[in-house]
Amino acid sequence: MAIHTISNNCVVVSISDSGAELQSIKSSDGREYLWQGSPAYWARRSPVLFPFVGALMNDSYTYCGNTYKMSQHGFARDMNFSFEGKDGSNISFVLNSDDKTFEIYPFDFLLRIEYSLNSNSVVVKWTVKNTGDKAMYYSIGAHPAFNLPDYCAREDCYIQLDRIPSSITGITGRYADEGKNVIGNVNITQNRLIKLGKDLFKNDALVFENEKIRRVALCDGDIKPFVEVEFDAPVLGIWSPYKEGCPFVCIEPWYGRCDAVDFNGTLEQRKWQNVLEPSESAVYKYTITVM
C-alpha cells in the first residue's frame, strides 16, 4: 500500500492507493481533521462507496435472472487503485473492472478518483464510465469521518444544515424504512442546528432524501464551524458510532442508498439507482473545507 501526498500553503492531504481513500487532512498548523481509523470505534477513514451505497437485502441483488452476493457499500473501498499521476496539488487514481469484479458485478467500468486543493478546501471528483456494451447500474457515495475538537466532546458539538429538512428516513436494521419519518425524534433549531446528543445515532445514520441540502458544517460548542462539506447529491447520510465518547462524525453525500426494508425487486428497480449507457460517463464532486 502506497501513500501519496499533495499540499499547498493551507493543507497537507494524504491518500492511499488502497481504495483511493483519504488518509489525512492536516492544516498548516498540524491539526488533523480526518479520523485516523482506530478500530476501537471504526477502522476506516474515508472510504469511497461503489458500486453500491449501503446494504443490499440479504447482501445480494438480482440482475438478468442471476443473483450476486455483495457486501455493504460495494467493493471499491477494498481494492487497489492504479496511481495515475500528480500535478502540483492535483492527484488521480483509477480502478478498472476485471475478471474478479465481473464475478460479483457484471458490468465493465472505469472509476477515476481525483483530489485537488483550493486554499483550505479539498475537492473530490469521481468519474464513472461504462466501458461495456450494455446499460450499467450503480451507486456511488462518500463516507469521510471528521475528528471532533479535542476541547469539545461529541455531545457538546453541533451539525449545522443549510436548510431545515421536512423528513428524515427511519432506519430499521441496515435498511431504509420509507414509511417512517423520524424527524420528530430530532431537535432541529431555527438556526438549522442539530446537537450531537448521545442518542442521536441510536438507530444508525440520519438519512435525508431529496431534501436539497447542499452544505453541512460541524460546529463546536460555541457553534463555530470547523469542517464544512458541500455537495450536490440527492441523499445525505450523517453518522457516528453509537458508542460512548466517540470522537468523530461522518458527513456522507450519496448518489444511492441502502435497500428498503420491504425491497424484493431487481437491480434495475432499486431506488436512487444510476444508469449509464455504453460509453457514457458521469462526473460527481464534493468539497471538504477545514477552518
C-alpha atoms as a PDB file:
ATOM      1  CA  MET A   1       0.000   0.000   0.000  1.00  0.00           C
ATOM      2  CA  ALA A   2       1.487   3.318  -1.099  1.00  0.00           C
ATOM      3  CA  ILE A   3       0.609   6.695   0.420  1.00  0.00           C
ATOM      4  CA  HIS A   4       0.653   9.792  -1.797  1.00  0.00           C
ATOM      5  CA  THR A   5       0.669  13.416  -0.589  1.00  0.00           C
ATOM      6  CA  ILE A   6      -0.436  16.735  -2.041  1.00  0.00           C
ATOM      7  CA  SER A   7      -0.147  20.087  -0.298  1.00  0.00           C
ATOM      8  CA  ASN A   8      -0.390  23.849  -0.557  1.00  0.00           C
ATOM      9  CA  ASN A   9       0.102  26.697   1.915  1.00  0.00           C
ATOM     10  CA  CYS A  10      -3.062  25.752   3.837  1.00  0.00           C
ATOM     11  CA  VAL A  11      -3.380  21.955   3.967  1.00  0.00           C
ATOM     12  CA  VAL A  12      -1.454  18.715   3.566  1.00  0.00           C
ATOM     13  CA  VAL A  13      -3.536  15.788   2.273  1.00  0.00           C
ATOM     14  CA  SER A  14      -2.559  12.108   2.089  1.00  0.00           C
ATOM     15  CA  ILE A  15      -4.283   9.418   0.006  1.00  0.00           C
ATOM     16  CA  SER A  16      -3.714   5.668  -0.165  1.00  0.00           C
ATOM     17  CA  ASP A  17      -3.840   3.703  -3.393  1.00  0.00           C
ATOM     18  CA  SER A  18      -5.838   1.149  -1.382  1.00  0.00           C
ATOM     19  CA  GLY A  19      -9.386   2.262  -2.114  1.00  0.00           C
ATOM     20  CA  ALA A  20      -8.016   5.643  -3.277  1.00  0.00           C
ATOM     21  CA  GLU A  21      -9.014   6.586   0.275  1.00  0.00           C
ATOM     22  CA  LEU A  22      -8.172   9.820   2.054  1.00  0.00           C
ATOM     23  CA  GLN A  23      -5.805   9.127   4.940  1.00  0.00           C
ATOM     24  CA  SER A  24      -5.173  12.570   6.375  1.00  0.00           C
ATOM     25  CA  ILE A  25      -6.223  16.209   6.068  1.00  0.00           C
ATOM     26  CA  LYS A  26      -3.907  18.431   8.094  1.00  0.00           C
ATOM     27  CA  SER A  27      -3.940  22.197   8.301  1.00  0.00           C
ATOM     28  CA  SER A  28      -0.683  24.153   8.091  1.00  0.00           C
ATOM     29  CA  ASP A  29      -0.517  24.269  11.910  1.00  0.00           C
ATOM     30  CA  GLY A  30      -0.607  20.454  12.102  1.00  0.00           C
ATOM     31  CA  ARG A  31      -4.222  19.937  13.157  1.00  0.00           C
ATOM     32  CA  GLU A  32      -5.591  16.603  11.900  1.00  0.00           C
ATOM     33  CA  TYR A  33      -9.169  16.890  10.662  1.00  0.00           C
ATOM     34  CA  LEU A  34      -9.684  13.355   9.352  1.00  0.00           C
ATOM     35  CA  TRP A  35     -10.427  10.437  11.676  1.00  0.00           C
ATOM     36  CA  GLN A  36      -7.402   8.139  11.818  1.00  0.00           C
ATOM     37  CA  GLY A  37      -9.165   4.784  11.772  1.00  0.00           C
ATOM     38  CA  SER A  38      -8.829   3.370  15.279  1.00  0.00           C
ATOM     39  CA  PRO A  39     -10.705   0.020  15.350  1.00  0.00           C
ATOM     40  CA  ALA A  40     -11.971   0.868  18.840  1.00  0.00           C
ATOM     41  CA  TYR A  41     -14.673   2.887  17.076  1.00  0.00           C
ATOM     42  CA  TRP A  42     -14.313   2.425  13.288  1.00  0.00           C
ATOM     43  CA  ALA A  43     -11.292   1.185  11.380  1.00  0.00           C
ATOM     44  CA  ARG A  44     -11.853   3.182   8.183  1.00  0.00           C
ATOM     45  CA  ARG A  45     -11.274   6.856   7.424  1.00  0.00           C
ATOM     46  CA  SER A  46     -12.978   7.968   4.208  1.00  0.00           C
ATOM     47  CA  PRO A  47     -13.983   5.017   2.007  1.00  0.00           C
ATOM     48  CA  VAL A  48     -15.447   5.521  -1.457  1.00  0.00           C
ATOM     49  CA  LEU A  49     -18.717   3.591  -1.766  1.00  0.00           C
ATOM     50  CA  PHE A  50     -19.073   1.920  -5.179  1.00  0.00           C
ATOM     51  CA  PRO A  51     -20.885   0.289  -6.946  1.00  0.00           C
ATOM     52  CA  PHE A  52     -23.376   0.268  -4.071  1.00  0.00           C
ATOM     53  CA  VAL A  53     -24.177   2.585  -1.180  1.00  0.00           C
ATOM     54  CA  GLY A  54     -25.409   0.884   1.971  1.00  0.00           C
ATOM     55  CA  ALA A  55     -26.642  -2.645   2.476  1.00  0.00           C
ATOM     56  CA  LEU A  56     -28.478  -4.781  -0.062  1.00  0.00           C
ATOM     57  CA  MET A  57     -31.315  -7.013   1.077  1.00  0.00           C
ATOM     58  CA  ASN A  58     -29.736 -10.286   2.227  1.00  0.00           C
ATOM     59  CA  ASP A  59     -26.385  -8.919   0.972  1.00  0.00           C
ATOM     60  CA  SER A  60     -27.323  -9.792  -2.605  1.00  0.00           C
ATOM     61  CA  TYR A  61     -29.013  -8.441  -5.728  1.00  0.00           C
ATOM     62  CA  THR A  62     -30.666  -9.870  -8.836  1.00  0.00           C
ATOM     63  CA  TYR A  63     -29.810  -8.917 -12.407  1.00  0.00           C
ATOM     64  CA  CYS A  64     -30.941 -10.703 -15.595  1.00  0.00           C
ATOM     65  CA  GLY A  65     -32.154 -13.688 -13.590  1.00  0.00           C
ATOM     66  CA  ASN A  66     -28.858 -14.173 -11.736  1.00  0.00           C
ATOM     67  CA  THR A  67     -28.190 -13.477  -8.053  1.00  0.00           C
ATOM     68  CA  TYR A  68     -24.925 -11.883  -6.965  1.00  0.00           C
ATOM     69  CA  LYS A  69     -23.542 -11.532  -3.453  1.00  0.00           C
ATOM     70  CA  MET A  70     -22.333  -8.084  -2.418  1.00  0.00           C
ATOM     71  CA  SER A  71     -21.141  -6.707   0.904  1.00  0.00           C
ATOM     72  CA  GLN A  72     -22.310  -3.381   2.304  1.00  0.00           C
ATOM     73  CA  HIS A  73     -21.044  -0.328   0.378  1.00  0.00           C
ATOM     74  CA  GLY A  74     -19.601  -2.359  -2.511  1.00  0.00           C
ATOM     75  CA  PHE A  75     -16.039  -3.417  -3.289  1.00  0.00           C
ATOM     76  CA  ALA A  76     -14.118  -0.303  -4.420  1.00  0.00           C
ATOM     77  CA  ARG A  77     -13.083   0.614  -0.881  1.00  0.00           C
ATOM     78  CA  ASP A  78     -11.199  -2.696  -0.577  1.00  0.00           C
ATOM     79  CA  MET A  79      -9.440  -2.676  -3.958  1.00  0.00           C
ATOM     80  CA  ASN A  80      -6.080  -1.300  -5.044  1.00  0.00           C
ATOM     81  CA  PHE A  81      -6.368   1.600  -7.467  1.00  0.00           C
ATOM     82  CA  SER A  82      -3.719   2.465 -10.027  1.00  0.00           C
ATOM     83  CA  PHE A  83      -1.931   5.741  -9.354  1.00  0.00           C
ATOM     84  CA  GLU A  84      -2.449   7.876 -12.465  1.00  0.00           C
ATOM     85  CA  GLY A  85      -0.289  10.826 -11.563  1.00  0.00           C
ATOM     86  CA  LYS A  86       0.203  14.038  -9.620  1.00  0.00           C
ATOM     87  CA  ASP A  87       0.393  17.582 -10.925  1.00  0.00           C
ATOM     88  CA  GLY A  88       1.071  20.145  -8.214  1.00  0.00           C
ATOM     89  CA  SER A  89      -1.864  19.985  -5.810  1.00  0.00           C
ATOM     90  CA  ASN A  90      -3.870  17.567  -8.006  1.00  0.00           C
ATOM     91  CA  ILE A  91      -3.714  13.766  -7.912  1.00  0.00           C
ATOM     92  CA  SER A  92      -5.724  10.960  -9.517  1.00  0.00           C
ATOM     93  CA  PHE A  93      -6.293   7.208  -9.230  1.00  0.00           C
ATOM     94  CA  VAL A  94      -8.190   4.766 -11.420  1.00  0.00           C
ATOM     95  CA  LEU A  95      -9.925   1.419 -10.987  1.00  0.00           C
ATOM     96  CA  ASN A  96     -10.935  -0.715 -13.953  1.00  0.00           C
ATOM     97  CA  SER A  97     -13.241  -3.707 -13.960  1.00  0.00           C
ATOM     98  CA  ASP A  98     -11.578  -7.094 -14.303  1.00  0.00           C
ATOM     99  CA  ASP A  99     -12.444 -10.778 -14.135  1.00  0.00           C
ATOM    100  CA  LYS A 100     -12.620 -10.607 -10.332  1.00  0.00           C
ATOM    101  CA  THR A 101     -15.118  -7.730 -10.223  1.00  0.00           C
ATOM    102  CA  PHE A 102     -17.153  -9.249 -13.058  1.00  0.00           C
ATOM    103  CA  GLU A 103     -17.913 -12.293 -10.893  1.00  0.00           C
ATOM    104  CA  ILE A 104     -19.865 -10.124  -8.430  1.00  0.00           C
ATOM    105  CA  TYR A 105     -20.736  -7.100 -10.603  1.00  0.00           C
ATOM    106  CA  PRO A 106     -21.428  -7.996 -14.260  1.00  0.00           C
ATOM    107  CA  PHE A 107     -20.503  -4.655 -15.820  1.00  0.00           C
ATOM    108  CA  ASP A 108     -17.376  -3.209 -17.391  1.00  0.00           C
ATOM    109  CA  PHE A 109     -16.436   0.140 -15.883  1.00  0.00           C
ATOM    110  CA  LEU A 110     -13.778   2.704 -15.176  1.00  0.00           C
ATOM    111  CA  LEU A 111     -13.806   4.622 -11.883  1.00  0.00           C
ATOM    112  CA  ARG A 112     -11.445   7.593 -11.636  1.00  0.00           C
ATOM    113  CA  ILE A 113     -10.995   9.400  -8.307  1.00  0.00           C
ATOM    114  CA  GLU A 114      -9.289  12.795  -8.264  1.00  0.00           C
ATOM    115  CA  TYR A 115      -8.307  15.045  -5.366  1.00  0.00           C
ATOM    116  CA  SER A 116      -7.356  18.691  -5.777  1.00  0.00           C
ATOM    117  CA  LEU A 117      -6.636  21.508  -3.353  1.00  0.00           C
ATOM    118  CA  ASN A 118      -8.074  25.013  -3.440  1.00  0.00           C
ATOM    119  CA  SER A 119      -6.823  27.072  -0.489  1.00  0.00           C
ATOM    120  CA  ASN A 120      -8.175  25.281   2.628  1.00  0.00           C
ATOM    121  CA  SER A 121     -10.531  23.041   0.631  1.00  0.00           C
ATOM    122  CA  VAL A 122     -10.172  19.521  -0.750  1.00  0.00           C
ATOM    123  CA  VAL A 123     -12.204  18.939  -3.927  1.00  0.00           C
ATOM    124  CA  VAL A 124     -13.092  15.289  -4.527  1.00  0.00           C
ATOM    125  CA  LYS A 125     -14.118  14.322  -8.066  1.00  0.00           C
ATOM    126  CA  TRP A 126     -15.398  10.931  -9.224  1.00  0.00           C
ATOM    127  CA  THR A 127     -15.756   9.941 -12.871  1.00  0.00           C
ATOM    128  CA  VAL A 128     -17.708   6.768 -13.632  1.00  0.00           C
ATOM    129  CA  LYS A 129     -17.590   5.414 -17.187  1.00  0.00           C
ATOM    130  CA  ASN A 130     -19.435   2.472 -18.716  1.00  0.00           C
ATOM    131  CA  THR A 131     -16.795   0.681 -20.778  1.00  0.00           C
ATOM    132  CA  GLY A 132     -19.086  -2.220 -21.647  1.00  0.00           C
ATOM    133  CA  ASP A 133     -21.764  -2.901 -24.239  1.00  0.00           C
ATOM    134  CA  LYS A 134     -24.908  -2.834 -22.036  1.00  0.00           C
ATOM    135  CA  ALA A 135     -26.554  -0.406 -19.635  1.00  0.00           C
ATOM    136  CA  MET A 136     -24.700  -0.216 -16.313  1.00  0.00           C
ATOM    137  CA  TYR A 137     -26.457   0.270 -12.960  1.00  0.00           C
ATOM    138  CA  TYR A 138     -24.576   1.642  -9.973  1.00  0.00           C
ATOM    139  CA  SER A 139     -24.485   3.869  -6.907  1.00  0.00           C
ATOM    140  CA  ILE A 140     -21.607   5.931  -5.540  1.00  0.00           C
ATOM    141  CA  GLY A 141     -21.070   7.805  -2.310  1.00  0.00           C
ATOM    142  CA  ALA A 142     -18.638   9.325   0.176  1.00  0.00           C
ATOM    143  CA  HIS A 143     -18.030   8.360   3.815  1.00  0.00           C
ATOM    144  CA  PRO A 144     -15.446  10.795   5.284  1.00  0.00           C
ATOM    145  CA  ALA A 145     -15.097  10.811   9.072  1.00  0.00           C
ATOM    146  CA  PHE A 146     -14.042  14.034  10.784  1.00  0.00           C
ATOM    147  CA  ASN A 147     -12.354  14.427  14.133  1.00  0.00           C
ATOM    148  CA  LEU A 148     -14.177  16.496  16.705  1.00  0.00           C
ATOM    149  CA  PRO A 149     -12.085  19.130  18.518  1.00  0.00           C
ATOM    150  CA  ASP A 150     -10.061  17.912  21.481  1.00  0.00           C
ATOM    151  CA  TYR A 151     -11.697  20.583  23.623  1.00  0.00           C
ATOM    152  CA  CYS A 152     -15.280  19.564  22.769  1.00  0.00           C
ATOM    153  CA  ALA A 153     -16.997  16.236  23.492  1.00  0.00           C
ATOM    154  CA  ARG A 154     -19.326  14.911  20.799  1.00  0.00           C
ATOM    155  CA  GLU A 155     -22.400  15.610  22.931  1.00  0.00           C
ATOM    156  CA  ASP A 156     -21.445  19.309  23.090  1.00  0.00           C
ATOM    157  CA  CYS A 157     -20.910  19.752  19.343  1.00  0.00           C
ATOM    158  CA  TYR A 158     -23.425  20.505  16.584  1.00  0.00           C
ATOM    159  CA  ILE A 159     -24.318  19.725  12.990  1.00  0.00           C
ATOM    160  CA  GLN A 160     -25.491  22.750  11.003  1.00  0.00           C
ATOM    161  CA  LEU A 161     -27.524  22.226   7.817  1.00  0.00           C
ATOM    162  CA  ASP A 162     -28.041  24.871   5.151  1.00  0.00           C
ATOM    163  CA  ARG A 163     -31.819  24.344   5.255  1.00  0.00           C
ATOM    164  CA  ILE A 164     -34.404  22.793   7.547  1.00  0.00           C
ATOM    165  CA  PRO A 165     -35.488  19.399   6.168  1.00  0.00           C
ATOM    166  CA  SER A 166     -39.065  18.120   6.138  1.00  0.00           C
ATOM    167  CA  SER A 167     -38.181  14.471   6.737  1.00  0.00           C
ATOM    168  CA  ILE A 168     -35.526  12.040   7.914  1.00  0.00           C
ATOM    169  CA  THR A 169     -35.807   8.442   6.726  1.00  0.00           C
ATOM    170  CA  GLY A 170     -36.000   5.884   9.516  1.00  0.00           C
ATOM    171  CA  ILE A 171     -33.501   3.018   9.556  1.00  0.00           C
ATOM    172  CA  THR A 172     -34.545  -0.466  10.685  1.00  0.00           C
ATOM    173  CA  GLY A 173     -31.586  -2.798  10.954  1.00  0.00           C
ATOM    174  CA  ARG A 174     -29.420  -1.838   7.989  1.00  0.00           C
ATOM    175  CA  TYR A 175     -32.355  -0.902   5.757  1.00  0.00           C
ATOM    176  CA  ALA A 176     -34.411   2.202   4.977  1.00  0.00           C
ATOM    177  CA  ASP A 177     -37.891   2.278   6.473  1.00  0.00           C
ATOM    178  CA  GLU A 178     -39.503   4.562   3.921  1.00  0.00           C
ATOM    179  CA  GLY A 179     -42.791   4.694   5.816  1.00  0.00           C
ATOM    180  CA  LYS A 180     -41.112   6.041   8.956  1.00  0.00           C
ATOM    181  CA  ASN A 181     -40.298   9.757   9.094  1.00  0.00           C
ATOM    182  CA  VAL A 182     -38.214  10.165  12.257  1.00  0.00           C
ATOM    183  CA  ILE A 183     -37.728  13.925  12.066  1.00  0.00           C
ATOM    184  CA  GLY A 184     -39.898  14.237  15.177  1.00  0.00           C
ATOM    185  CA  ASN A 185     -37.170  12.467  17.132  1.00  0.00           C
ATOM    186  CA  VAL A 186     -34.539  15.043  16.147  1.00  0.00           C
ATOM    187  CA  ASN A 187     -34.439  18.553  17.562  1.00  0.00           C
ATOM    188  CA  ILE A 188     -33.570  20.969  14.732  1.00  0.00           C
ATOM    189  CA  THR A 189     -33.406  24.624  15.780  1.00  0.00           C
ATOM    190  CA  GLN A 190     -34.437  27.609  13.667  1.00  0.00           C
ATOM    191  CA  ASN A 191     -30.723  28.143  13.058  1.00  0.00           C
ATOM    192  CA  ARG A 192     -30.676  24.674  11.427  1.00  0.00           C
ATOM    193  CA  LEU A 193     -28.609  23.191  14.250  1.00  0.00           C
ATOM    194  CA  ILE A 194     -28.744  19.606  15.499  1.00  0.00           C
ATOM    195  CA  LYS A 195     -26.932  18.911  18.758  1.00  0.00           C
ATOM    196  CA  LEU A 196     -24.895  15.715  18.724  1.00  0.00           C
ATOM    197  CA  GLY A 197     -26.609  14.200  21.762  1.00  0.00           C
ATOM    198  CA  LYS A 198     -25.530  10.718  22.790  1.00  0.00           C
ATOM    199  CA  ASP A 199     -28.741   9.073  21.498  1.00  0.00           C
ATOM    200  CA  LEU A 200     -28.842  10.850  18.114  1.00  0.00           C
ATOM    201  CA  PHE A 201     -27.370   7.826  16.308  1.00  0.00           C
ATOM    202  CA  LYS A 202     -29.016   5.143  18.423  1.00  0.00           C
ATOM    203  CA  ASN A 203     -30.849   3.803  15.346  1.00  0.00           C
ATOM    204  CA  ASP A 204     -27.934   4.241  12.924  1.00  0.00           C
ATOM    205  CA  ALA A 205     -27.402   7.140  10.495  1.00  0.00           C
ATOM    206  CA  LEU A 206     -29.601  10.159   9.869  1.00  0.00           C
ATOM    207  CA  VAL A 207     -30.674   9.812   6.229  1.00  0.00           C
ATOM    208  CA  PHE A 208     -32.051  12.797   4.303  1.00  0.00           C
ATOM    209  CA  GLU A 209     -33.566  12.045   0.882  1.00  0.00           C
ATOM    210  CA  ASN A 210     -34.205  14.685  -1.772  1.00  0.00           C
ATOM    211  CA  GLU A 211     -34.204  17.482   0.820  1.00  0.00           C
ATOM    212  CA  LYS A 212     -31.932  19.682  -1.333  1.00  0.00           C
ATOM    213  CA  ILE A 213     -29.396  20.023   1.451  1.00  0.00           C
ATOM    214  CA  ARG A 214     -26.175  21.207  -0.176  1.00  0.00           C
ATOM    215  CA  ARG A 215     -23.926  22.153   2.737  1.00  0.00           C
ATOM    216  CA  VAL A 216     -23.308  20.654   6.170  1.00  0.00           C
ATOM    217  CA  ALA A 217     -20.971  22.046   8.819  1.00  0.00           C
ATOM    218  CA  LEU A 218     -19.647  20.549  12.024  1.00  0.00           C
ATOM    219  CA  CYS A 219     -19.547  23.113  14.822  1.00  0.00           C
ATOM    220  CA  ASP A 220     -18.030  23.165  18.279  1.00  0.00           C
ATOM    221  CA  GLY A 221     -19.873  24.005  21.496  1.00  0.00           C
ATOM    222  CA  ASP A 222     -19.732  27.726  20.660  1.00  0.00           C
ATOM    223  CA  ILE A 223     -21.355  26.973  17.280  1.00  0.00           C
ATOM    224  CA  LYS A 224     -18.124  27.810  15.491  1.00  0.00           C
ATOM    225  CA  PRO A 225     -17.749  25.727  12.303  1.00  0.00           C
ATOM    226  CA  PHE A 226     -14.529  23.752  11.929  1.00  0.00           C
ATOM    227  CA  VAL A 227     -15.371  21.483   8.944  1.00  0.00           C
ATOM    228  CA  GLU A 228     -17.801  22.069   6.096  1.00  0.00           C
ATOM    229  CA  VAL A 229     -18.862  19.676   3.323  1.00  0.00           C
ATOM    230  CA  GLU A 230     -20.541  20.956   0.137  1.00  0.00           C
ATOM    231  CA  PHE A 231     -22.159  18.671  -2.423  1.00  0.00           C
ATOM    232  CA  ASP A 232     -24.966  18.217  -4.946  1.00  0.00           C
ATOM    233  CA  ALA A 233     -26.127  14.722  -4.019  1.00  0.00           C
ATOM    234  CA  PRO A 234     -29.803  13.695  -3.660  1.00  0.00           C
ATOM    235  CA  VAL A 235     -29.186  11.678  -0.484  1.00  0.00           C
ATOM    236  CA  LEU A 236     -27.217  12.609   2.619  1.00  0.00           C
ATOM    237  CA  GLY A 237     -26.136  10.398   5.487  1.00  0.00           C
ATOM    238  CA  ILE A 238     -24.779  11.665   8.810  1.00  0.00           C
ATOM    239  CA  TRP A 239     -23.381   9.021  11.128  1.00  0.00           C
ATOM    240  CA  SER A 240     -21.316   8.391  14.213  1.00  0.00           C
ATOM    241  CA  PRO A 241     -20.999   5.056  16.038  1.00  0.00           C
ATOM    242  CA  TYR A 242     -23.403   4.656  18.941  1.00  0.00           C
ATOM    243  CA  LYS A 243     -20.534   4.333  21.407  1.00  0.00           C
ATOM    244  CA  GLU A 244     -19.741   6.394  24.467  1.00  0.00           C
ATOM    245  CA  GLY A 245     -17.119   9.060  23.825  1.00  0.00           C
ATOM    246  CA  CYS A 246     -16.852   8.548  20.067  1.00  0.00           C
ATOM    247  CA  PRO A 247     -14.669  11.433  18.790  1.00  0.00           C
ATOM    248  CA  PHE A 248     -15.752  11.716  15.141  1.00  0.00           C
ATOM    249  CA  VAL A 249     -18.751  12.285  12.860  1.00  0.00           C
ATOM    250  CA  CYS A 250     -19.207  11.271   9.205  1.00  0.00           C
ATOM    251  CA  ILE A 251     -20.846  13.550   6.630  1.00  0.00           C
ATOM    252  CA  GLU A 252     -21.778  11.406   3.617  1.00  0.00           C
ATOM    253  CA  PRO A 253     -23.052  12.685   0.251  1.00  0.00           C
ATOM    254  CA  TRP A 254     -24.653   9.747  -1.564  1.00  0.00           C
ATOM    255  CA  TYR A 255     -25.842   9.050  -5.102  1.00  0.00           C
ATOM    256  CA  GLY A 256     -27.637   5.951  -3.908  1.00  0.00           C
ATOM    257  CA  ARG A 257     -28.942   4.369  -0.724  1.00  0.00           C
ATOM    258  CA  CYS A 258     -29.418   1.061   1.081  1.00  0.00           C
ATOM    259  CA  ASP A 259     -32.381  -1.124   0.145  1.00  0.00           C
ATOM    260  CA  ALA A 260     -35.767  -0.520   1.723  1.00  0.00           C
ATOM    261  CA  VAL A 261     -36.949  -2.871   4.464  1.00  0.00           C
ATOM    262  CA  ASP A 262     -39.509  -4.444   2.105  1.00  0.00           C
ATOM    263  CA  PHE A 263     -37.498  -4.400  -1.134  1.00  0.00           C
ATOM    264  CA  ASN A 264     -37.671  -7.571  -3.246  1.00  0.00           C
ATOM    265  CA  GLY A 265     -37.018  -6.222  -6.736  1.00  0.00           C
ATOM    266  CA  THR A 266     -34.178  -6.424  -9.226  1.00  0.00           C
ATOM    267  CA  LEU A 267     -31.060  -4.285  -9.567  1.00  0.00           C
ATOM    268  CA  GLU A 268     -32.806  -2.018 -12.069  1.00  0.00           C
ATOM    269  CA  GLN A 269     -35.640  -1.359  -9.595  1.00  0.00           C
ATOM    270  CA  ARG A 270     -33.506  -0.175  -6.660  1.00  0.00           C
ATOM    271  CA  LYS A 271     -34.298   3.368  -5.501  1.00  0.00           C
ATOM    272  CA  TRP A 272     -31.800   6.106  -6.379  1.00  0.00           C
ATOM    273  CA  GLN A 273     -30.067   3.792  -8.857  1.00  0.00           C
ATOM    274  CA  ASN A 274     -27.923   5.482 -11.526  1.00  0.00           C
ATOM    275  CA  VAL A 275     -27.599   4.168 -15.073  1.00  0.00           C
ATOM    276  CA  LEU A 276     -25.060   4.723 -17.845  1.00  0.00           C
ATOM    277  CA  GLU A 277     -25.439   3.555 -21.414  1.00  0.00           C
ATOM    278  CA  PRO A 278     -22.391   2.079 -23.219  1.00  0.00           C
ATOM    279  CA  SER A 279     -19.507   4.592 -23.494  1.00  0.00           C
ATOM    280  CA  GLU A 280     -21.354   7.121 -21.324  1.00  0.00           C
ATOM    281  CA  SER A 281     -19.732   8.667 -18.263  1.00  0.00           C
ATOM    282  CA  ALA A 282     -20.862  10.756 -15.298  1.00  0.00           C
ATOM    283  CA  VAL A 283     -18.963  13.130 -13.019  1.00  0.00           C
ATOM    284  CA  TYR A 284     -19.690  13.814  -9.335  1.00  0.00           C
ATOM    285  CA  LYS A 285     -17.980  16.224  -6.921  1.00  0.00           C
ATOM    286  CA  TYR A 286     -17.955  17.228  -3.305  1.00  0.00           C
ATOM    287  CA  THR A 287     -15.761  19.622  -1.326  1.00  0.00           C
ATOM    288  CA  ILE A 288     -14.323  19.446   2.184  1.00  0.00           C
ATOM    289  CA  THR A 289     -13.300  22.760   3.750  1.00  0.00           C
ATOM    290  CA  VAL A 290     -11.368  22.916   7.029  1.00  0.00           C
ATOM    291  CA  MET A 291     -11.368  26.013   9.227  1.00  0.00           C
END
